[in-house]
Amino acid sequence: MTQLKNATVDVTRLLRLFLALSLLSTSGCAWLDVKQRQLIYRPTTGVPASFAGLPPGDQRYFLDVAQTAAGKSAPPPESGNGLNERPDPPRIEMWWLPNKDPAAPTLLYFHGTFRTLVANVRKIEALREAGFSVLAVEYRGWGLSTPIIPSEKSILQDADMAWAELQKREPRPGMRVIYGHSMGSGVAVDLASRQRPQSNYGGLILESAFTSFPDIALEVGRVAWLLAHFSGERFASGEKIGLVERPLLMIHGNLDKTVPMNLGEKLFAAANPPKAWVMIEGGKHSDLDAVGQAQYQQAVQQFRALLLHHATAQSPAPAAAAASDTPAASNGPVSAGVAAQGVAR
């Protein structure tokens, strides 16, 4: 009985300590804030020595964070630590992987925590195989972008830079697709929800998505939830998804232990139609394109067909469509294999 009482006291003290640390973090303690963000995002700088580089025809280049696409000053870059000490101007790394079909729609790729674009090559190539050109962004803190301890604010600033670049790469609004995996799903939902008019893009693809950081923490336990609840890092997709009015595809693995599938289902339920849910049997957090390769390709290709169908239907006249290089209906009808809404098991 005494041991049980002592254990209860220890847990209570631990909870109070974590709560105090979280409150300190929100009260202006910069050191705790940096440590908290470092644990959340696990930024990874550099490029593995084993990476031979992009193949011929693909491009890696950099965008100056201090300038917008229009040449005006962007919001001050979010650093939040002493890592950004080198004299180089803040920058983000971009990858451009064009599809062999010059008329293919273009997908803006947002990755998750920890892994850099190099570790996302297989997934990026799977999306290109499905019929997209891919523009991928490396947030500051990852890869060859400026090394910082990132925050939700800095990541969303980088997303805005990438969006401006996408608009230059893909002038056809209906052919722009916003994609996000894991944390990148929060980036994608935020960006899509802020588009006015919503016709600025054609659709949204979310993989291993969640409702918010605190909801993920709650799945881990109450202590983690308390820490996340008092953090400024939220990526509250559940509060933003209702503002998205374009076609949505969500893909999740039933064995995902990082972002439990019920959080993806909850986000899907809050989304507007048309929408499609695809569950990959045996899929974990980052292997859906490999474990369920055929199902994954079918789902993404059918979403592409839906995109082309909508773009063709919205063309004012065949002559105008031809003038804007909008793909014709001969690219294929919308397949009935993935429902416009509902949960596909």
Protein backbone atom coordinates (compact mmCIF):
# COMPACT_ATOMS: atom_id res chain seq x y z
CA MET A 1 0.00 0.00 0.00
CA THR A 2 2.87 2.33 0.90
CA GLN A 3 4.60 1.56 -2.43
CA LEU A 4 1.40 2.37 -4.35
CA LYS A 5 1.02 5.65 -2.49
CA ASN A 6 4.65 6.59 -3.20
CA ALA A 7 4.22 5.73 -6.89
CA THR A 8 1.13 7.94 -7.05
CA VAL A 9 3.03 10.80 -5.45
CA ASP A 10 5.92 10.37 -7.92
CA VAL A 11 3.58 10.44 -10.94
CA THR A 12 1.81 13.51 -9.57
CA ARG A 13 5.13 15.30 -9.08
CA LEU A 14 6.21 14.33 -12.59
CA LEU A 15 2.99 15.67 -14.07
CA ARG A 16 3.41 18.92 -12.17
CA LEU A 17 7.00 19.21 -13.39
CA PHE A 18 6.01 18.67 -17.03
CA LEU A 19 3.18 21.13 -16.66
CA ALA A 20 5.50 23.71 -15.11
CA LEU A 21 8.01 23.24 -17.94
CA SER A 22 5.27 23.69 -20.52
CA LEU A 23 4.00 26.83 -18.80
CA LEU A 24 7.54 28.19 -18.70
CA SER A 25 7.83 27.47 -22.43
CA THR A 26 4.71 29.53 -23.14
CA SER A 27 5.88 32.28 -20.79
CA GLY A 28 8.90 33.27 -22.82
CA CYS A 29 11.57 30.77 -21.77
CA ALA A 30 13.48 30.60 -25.06
CA TRP A 31 15.67 27.65 -24.11
CA LEU A 32 12.70 25.43 -23.29
CA ASP A 33 10.90 26.54 -26.44
CA VAL A 34 13.88 25.56 -28.60
CA LYS A 35 14.23 22.18 -26.86
CA GLN A 36 10.53 21.52 -27.26
CA ARG A 37 10.60 22.31 -30.99
CA GLN A 38 13.72 20.21 -31.44
CA LEU A 39 11.93 17.22 -29.95
CA ILE A 40 8.79 17.78 -32.02
CA TYR A 41 10.33 18.29 -35.45
CA ARG A 42 13.69 16.45 -35.20
CA PRO A 43 15.21 18.48 -38.07
CA THR A 44 17.89 16.70 -40.08
CA THR A 45 20.51 18.75 -41.94
CA GLY A 46 22.84 17.73 -44.73
CA VAL A 47 22.73 15.05 -47.40
CA PRO A 48 23.80 11.42 -46.93
CA ALA A 49 27.11 10.58 -48.61
CA SER A 50 25.37 7.67 -50.32
CA PHE A 51 23.04 9.99 -52.25
CA ALA A 52 24.31 10.23 -55.82
CA GLY A 53 22.16 13.23 -56.67
CA LEU A 54 19.09 13.72 -58.82
CA PRO A 55 18.99 12.04 -62.24
CA PRO A 56 19.49 14.04 -65.47
CA GLY A 57 16.51 16.25 -66.25
CA ASP A 58 15.61 16.81 -62.58
CA GLN A 59 16.69 19.98 -60.81
CA ARG A 60 17.85 20.99 -57.33
CA TYR A 61 18.00 24.72 -56.65
CA PHE A 62 17.52 27.25 -53.86
CA LEU A 63 15.11 30.09 -53.10
CA ASP A 64 16.11 33.11 -51.04
CA VAL A 65 13.76 33.28 -48.05
CA ALA A 66 14.27 37.07 -47.80
CA GLN A 67 12.45 37.62 -51.09
CA THR A 68 8.98 36.70 -52.31
CA ALA A 69 8.26 35.67 -55.87
CA ALA A 70 7.34 39.30 -56.60
CA GLY A 71 10.71 40.53 -55.33
CA LYS A 72 9.31 42.12 -52.17
CA SER A 73 10.47 41.40 -48.66
CA ALA A 74 8.93 38.34 -47.07
CA PRO A 75 8.09 38.10 -43.34
CA PRO A 76 11.27 37.94 -41.22
CA PRO A 77 12.61 34.38 -41.17
CA GLU A 78 11.87 32.38 -38.04
CA SER A 79 15.09 31.11 -36.51
CA GLY A 80 14.52 30.80 -32.79
CA ASN A 81 18.05 29.59 -31.99
CA GLY A 82 21.73 30.12 -32.64
CA LEU A 83 22.10 27.62 -35.46
CA ASN A 84 21.65 30.16 -38.24
CA GLU A 85 25.03 31.80 -37.70
CA ARG A 86 26.61 31.40 -41.12
CA PRO A 87 26.75 34.50 -43.32
CA ASP A 88 24.77 32.91 -46.14
CA PRO A 89 21.29 34.39 -46.65
CA PRO A 90 18.41 32.20 -45.44
CA ARG A 91 17.34 29.82 -48.17
CA ILE A 92 15.20 26.79 -48.88
CA GLU A 93 16.13 23.88 -51.10
CA MET A 94 13.73 22.99 -53.92
CA TRP A 95 13.49 19.90 -56.12
CA TRP A 96 11.83 19.97 -59.53
CA LEU A 97 11.02 16.55 -61.00
CA PRO A 98 9.10 17.02 -64.26
CA ASN A 99 6.91 14.28 -65.66
CA LYS A 100 7.73 12.93 -69.11
CA ASP A 101 4.29 14.19 -70.17
CA PRO A 102 4.65 17.99 -70.47
CA ALA A 103 0.89 18.40 -69.96
CA ALA A 104 0.90 16.50 -66.63
CA PRO A 105 -0.54 18.26 -63.56
CA THR A 106 1.95 19.46 -60.95
CA LEU A 107 2.05 18.34 -57.32
CA LEU A 108 3.57 20.41 -54.50
CA TYR A 109 5.18 17.97 -52.05
CA PHE A 110 5.40 18.60 -48.28
CA HIS A 111 7.25 15.98 -46.23
CA GLY A 112 7.00 15.16 -42.54
CA THR A 113 9.34 15.47 -39.55
CA PHE A 114 12.85 14.05 -39.33
CA ARG A 115 13.30 12.66 -42.87
CA THR A 116 14.75 14.90 -45.58
CA LEU A 117 13.76 14.90 -49.25
CA VAL A 118 16.51 12.35 -49.91
CA ALA A 119 14.67 9.92 -47.62
CA ASN A 120 11.44 10.72 -49.49
CA VAL A 121 12.73 9.86 -52.97
CA ARG A 122 10.77 6.61 -53.26
CA LYS A 123 7.49 8.29 -52.35
CA ILE A 124 8.15 11.25 -54.65
CA GLU A 125 8.90 8.88 -57.53
CA ALA A 126 5.68 6.96 -56.82
CA LEU A 127 3.72 10.20 -57.27
CA ARG A 128 5.56 11.00 -60.47
CA GLU A 129 4.82 7.48 -61.70
CA ALA A 130 1.14 8.15 -61.01
CA GLY A 131 1.22 10.97 -63.57
CA PHE A 132 2.40 14.13 -61.82
CA SER A 133 5.29 16.50 -62.13
CA VAL A 134 6.57 17.08 -58.59
CA LEU A 135 7.84 20.26 -56.96
CA ALA A 136 9.22 19.39 -53.51
CA VAL A 137 10.35 21.75 -50.76
CA GLU A 138 12.96 21.18 -48.04
CA TYR A 139 11.97 23.31 -45.05
CA ARG A 140 14.62 25.27 -43.23
CA GLY A 141 16.20 22.92 -40.72
CA TRP A 142 16.33 20.00 -43.15
CA GLY A 143 18.67 18.97 -45.96
CA LEU A 144 20.62 21.80 -47.55
CA SER A 145 18.20 24.53 -46.49
CA THR A 146 19.31 27.02 -43.83
CA PRO A 147 19.91 25.11 -40.55
CA ILE A 148 17.52 26.27 -37.85
CA ILE A 149 15.34 24.71 -35.18
CA PRO A 150 12.06 25.03 -37.09
CA SER A 151 8.66 26.06 -35.86
CA GLU A 152 5.17 25.90 -37.28
CA LYS A 153 5.60 29.55 -38.26
CA SER A 154 8.88 28.99 -40.13
CA ILE A 155 7.55 25.89 -41.89
CA LEU A 156 4.43 27.72 -43.08
CA GLN A 157 6.60 30.61 -44.31
CA ASP A 158 8.60 28.12 -46.35
CA ALA A 159 5.35 26.60 -47.66
CA ASP A 160 4.25 30.02 -48.89
CA MET A 161 7.56 30.40 -50.73
CA ALA A 162 7.06 26.99 -52.33
CA TRP A 163 3.49 27.89 -53.30
CA ALA A 164 4.70 31.01 -55.09
CA GLU A 165 7.20 28.83 -56.95
CA LEU A 166 4.48 26.34 -57.86
CA GLN A 167 2.39 29.10 -59.39
CA LYS A 168 5.30 29.96 -61.66
CA ARG A 169 5.94 26.33 -62.56
CA GLU A 170 2.27 25.49 -63.10
CA PRO A 171 0.22 28.41 -64.52
CA ARG A 172 -2.97 26.31 -64.79
CA PRO A 173 -4.75 26.59 -61.42
CA GLY A 174 -6.80 23.45 -61.92
CA MET A 175 -3.63 21.43 -62.52
CA ARG A 176 -2.07 22.31 -59.15
CA VAL A 177 -2.24 19.64 -56.44
CA ILE A 178 -1.14 20.16 -52.83
CA TYR A 179 0.22 17.03 -51.15
CA GLY A 180 1.34 16.38 -47.58
CA HIS A 181 2.61 13.34 -45.69
CA SER A 182 2.48 13.15 -41.89
CA MET A 183 3.41 16.61 -40.54
CA GLY A 184 3.35 17.73 -44.17
CA SER A 185 -0.38 17.04 -44.17
CA GLY A 186 -0.76 19.85 -41.64
CA VAL A 187 1.27 22.13 -43.90
CA ALA A 188 -0.85 21.12 -46.91
CA VAL A 189 -4.18 21.66 -45.14
CA ASP A 190 -3.09 25.06 -43.87
CA LEU A 191 -1.98 26.19 -47.33
CA ALA A 192 -5.08 24.83 -49.07
CA SER A 193 -7.45 26.34 -46.51
CA ARG A 194 -6.00 29.83 -47.07
CA GLN A 195 -6.45 29.86 -50.85
CA ARG A 196 -8.96 32.46 -52.02
CA PRO A 197 -10.49 31.74 -54.37
CA GLN A 198 -10.37 28.00 -53.77
CA SER A 199 -10.10 27.55 -57.53
CA ASN A 200 -6.41 28.55 -57.19
CA TYR A 201 -5.65 24.82 -57.02
CA GLY A 202 -7.20 21.60 -58.27
CA GLY A 203 -7.05 19.21 -55.32
CA LEU A 204 -5.50 18.05 -52.05
CA ILE A 205 -3.85 14.70 -51.23
CA LEU A 206 -3.13 13.81 -47.60
CA GLU A 207 -1.18 10.74 -46.50
CA SER A 208 -0.96 9.54 -42.88
CA ALA A 209 -2.74 12.74 -41.80
CA PHE A 210 -3.96 13.87 -38.37
CA THR A 211 -6.28 16.40 -36.77
CA SER A 212 -3.67 18.23 -34.64
CA PHE A 213 -0.40 17.74 -32.76
CA PRO A 214 -2.20 17.67 -29.37
CA ASP A 215 -4.50 14.91 -30.67
CA ILE A 216 -1.46 12.82 -31.64
CA ALA A 217 0.02 13.44 -28.19
CA LEU A 218 -3.22 12.33 -26.54
CA GLU A 219 -2.84 8.97 -28.26
CA VAL A 220 0.55 8.64 -26.53
CA GLY A 221 -0.70 9.60 -23.07
CA ARG A 222 -1.91 12.39 -20.81
CA VAL A 223 1.57 13.68 -20.01
CA ALA A 224 2.40 14.08 -23.69
CA TRP A 225 -0.97 15.75 -24.24
CA LEU A 226 -0.28 18.28 -21.48
CA LEU A 227 3.05 19.14 -23.08
CA ALA A 228 1.50 19.50 -26.53
CA HIS A 229 -1.52 21.39 -25.21
CA PHE A 230 0.65 24.18 -23.82
CA SER A 231 2.87 24.28 -26.88
CA GLY A 232 2.44 26.82 -29.66
CA GLU A 233 3.11 24.07 -32.24
CA ARG A 234 -0.32 22.77 -33.23
CA PHE A 235 -0.89 22.20 -36.95
CA ALA A 236 -4.62 22.11 -36.20
CA SER A 237 -5.86 20.58 -39.46
CA GLY A 238 -9.16 19.60 -37.86
CA GLU A 239 -9.99 23.28 -37.42
CA LYS A 240 -9.03 24.18 -41.01
CA ILE A 241 -10.17 21.29 -43.20
CA GLY A 242 -13.70 22.72 -43.42
CA LEU A 243 -12.32 25.65 -45.42
CA VAL A 244 -11.06 23.30 -48.15
CA GLU A 245 -13.54 23.11 -51.02
CA ARG A 246 -11.56 21.19 -53.63
CA PRO A 247 -11.45 17.40 -54.21
CA LEU A 248 -9.66 15.52 -51.43
CA LEU A 249 -7.89 12.15 -51.37
CA MET A 250 -6.75 10.70 -48.04
CA ILE A 251 -4.59 7.56 -47.73
CA HIS A 252 -3.76 5.84 -44.43
CA GLY A 253 -2.28 2.55 -43.25
CA ASN A 254 -4.20 0.46 -40.73
CA LEU A 255 -0.94 -0.39 -38.89
CA ASP A 256 0.23 3.20 -38.50
CA LYS A 257 1.56 3.57 -34.95
CA THR A 258 2.93 7.09 -35.46
CA VAL A 259 -0.40 8.64 -36.49
CA PRO A 260 -3.18 6.21 -35.57
CA MET A 261 -5.70 5.75 -38.37
CA ASN A 262 -8.60 6.96 -36.25
CA LEU A 263 -7.12 10.49 -36.38
CA GLY A 264 -7.09 10.35 -40.17
CA GLU A 265 -10.67 9.11 -40.20
CA LYS A 266 -11.68 11.94 -37.88
CA LEU A 267 -10.11 14.50 -40.21
CA PHE A 268 -11.78 12.86 -43.21
CA ALA A 269 -15.18 13.03 -41.51
CA ALA A 270 -14.77 16.80 -41.02
CA ALA A 271 -13.83 17.41 -44.68
CA ASN A 272 -16.14 18.60 -47.43
CA PRO A 273 -17.01 16.45 -50.45
CA PRO A 274 -15.92 15.40 -52.98
CA LYS A 275 -13.54 13.24 -51.00
CA ALA A 276 -12.12 9.73 -51.05
CA TRP A 277 -10.61 7.60 -48.29
CA VAL A 278 -8.22 4.74 -49.07
CA MET A 279 -6.97 2.38 -46.37
CA ILE A 280 -3.83 0.37 -47.13
CA GLU A 281 -4.03 -3.04 -45.43
CA GLY A 282 -0.77 -3.72 -43.59
CA GLY A 283 0.47 -0.19 -44.23
CA LYS A 284 2.45 1.64 -41.56
CA HIS A 285 3.36 5.32 -41.44
CA SER A 286 5.72 5.84 -44.36
CA ASP A 287 5.51 2.71 -46.51
CA LEU A 288 2.06 2.94 -48.10
CA ASP A 289 3.38 3.44 -51.63
CA ALA A 290 5.47 0.26 -51.27
CA VAL A 291 3.28 -2.06 -49.16
CA GLY A 292 0.14 -1.29 -51.14
CA GLN A 293 1.81 -0.31 -54.39
CA ALA A 294 -1.00 -1.31 -56.77
CA GLN A 295 -3.75 0.16 -54.57
CA TYR A 296 -1.72 3.33 -53.97
CA GLN A 297 -1.08 3.86 -57.68
CA GLN A 298 -4.72 3.21 -58.54
CA ALA A 299 -5.96 5.71 -55.97
CA VAL A 300 -3.57 8.50 -57.01
CA GLN A 301 -4.10 7.88 -60.73
CA GLN A 302 -7.87 7.99 -60.30
CA PHE A 303 -7.55 11.23 -58.36
CA ARG A 304 -5.49 12.60 -61.25
CA ALA A 305 -8.25 11.53 -63.65
CA LEU A 306 -10.79 13.35 -61.48
CA LEU A 307 -8.60 16.44 -61.59
CA LEU A 308 -8.38 16.31 -65.39
CA HIS A 309 -12.13 15.74 -65.63
CA HIS A 310 -12.87 18.82 -63.51
CA ALA A 311 -10.37 20.92 -65.46
CA THR A 312 -11.91 19.85 -68.76
CA ALA A 313 -15.47 20.46 -67.51
CA GLN A 314 -14.56 23.97 -66.34
CA SER A 315 -12.94 24.95 -69.65
CA PRO A 316 -15.06 27.69 -71.29
CA ALA A 317 -14.69 26.19 -74.78
CA PRO A 318 -12.56 23.61 -76.60
CA ALA A 319 -10.58 26.35 -78.32
CA ALA A 320 -9.82 28.04 -75.01
CA ALA A 321 -8.83 24.71 -73.48
CA ALA A 322 -6.43 24.03 -76.30
CA ALA A 323 -4.95 27.49 -76.02
CA SER A 324 -4.21 26.96 -72.31
CA ASP A 325 -2.78 23.46 -72.85
CA THR A 326 -5.46 21.94 -70.63
CA PRO A 327 -5.39 18.14 -71.10
CA ALA A 328 -8.31 16.89 -73.16
CA ALA A 329 -10.85 14.32 -72.02
CA SER A 330 -8.91 11.66 -73.91
CA ASN A 331 -6.67 11.41 -70.83
CA GLY A 332 -9.38 9.09 -69.50
CA PRO A 333 -12.68 9.23 -67.66
CA VAL A 334 -12.98 9.27 -63.89
CA SER A 335 -12.74 5.71 -62.64
CA ALA A 336 -15.44 4.41 -60.37
CA GLY A 337 -12.85 2.49 -58.35
CA VAL A 338 -12.44 5.28 -55.78
CA ALA A 339 -15.69 6.81 -54.60
CA ALA A 340 -16.09 10.57 -54.61
CA GLN A 341 -16.87 10.34 -50.92
CA GLY A 342 -17.15 7.72 -48.29
CA VAL A 343 -14.69 5.27 -46.76
CA ALA A 344 -13.15 2.65 -49.03
CA ARG A 345 -12.00 -0.36 -47.03
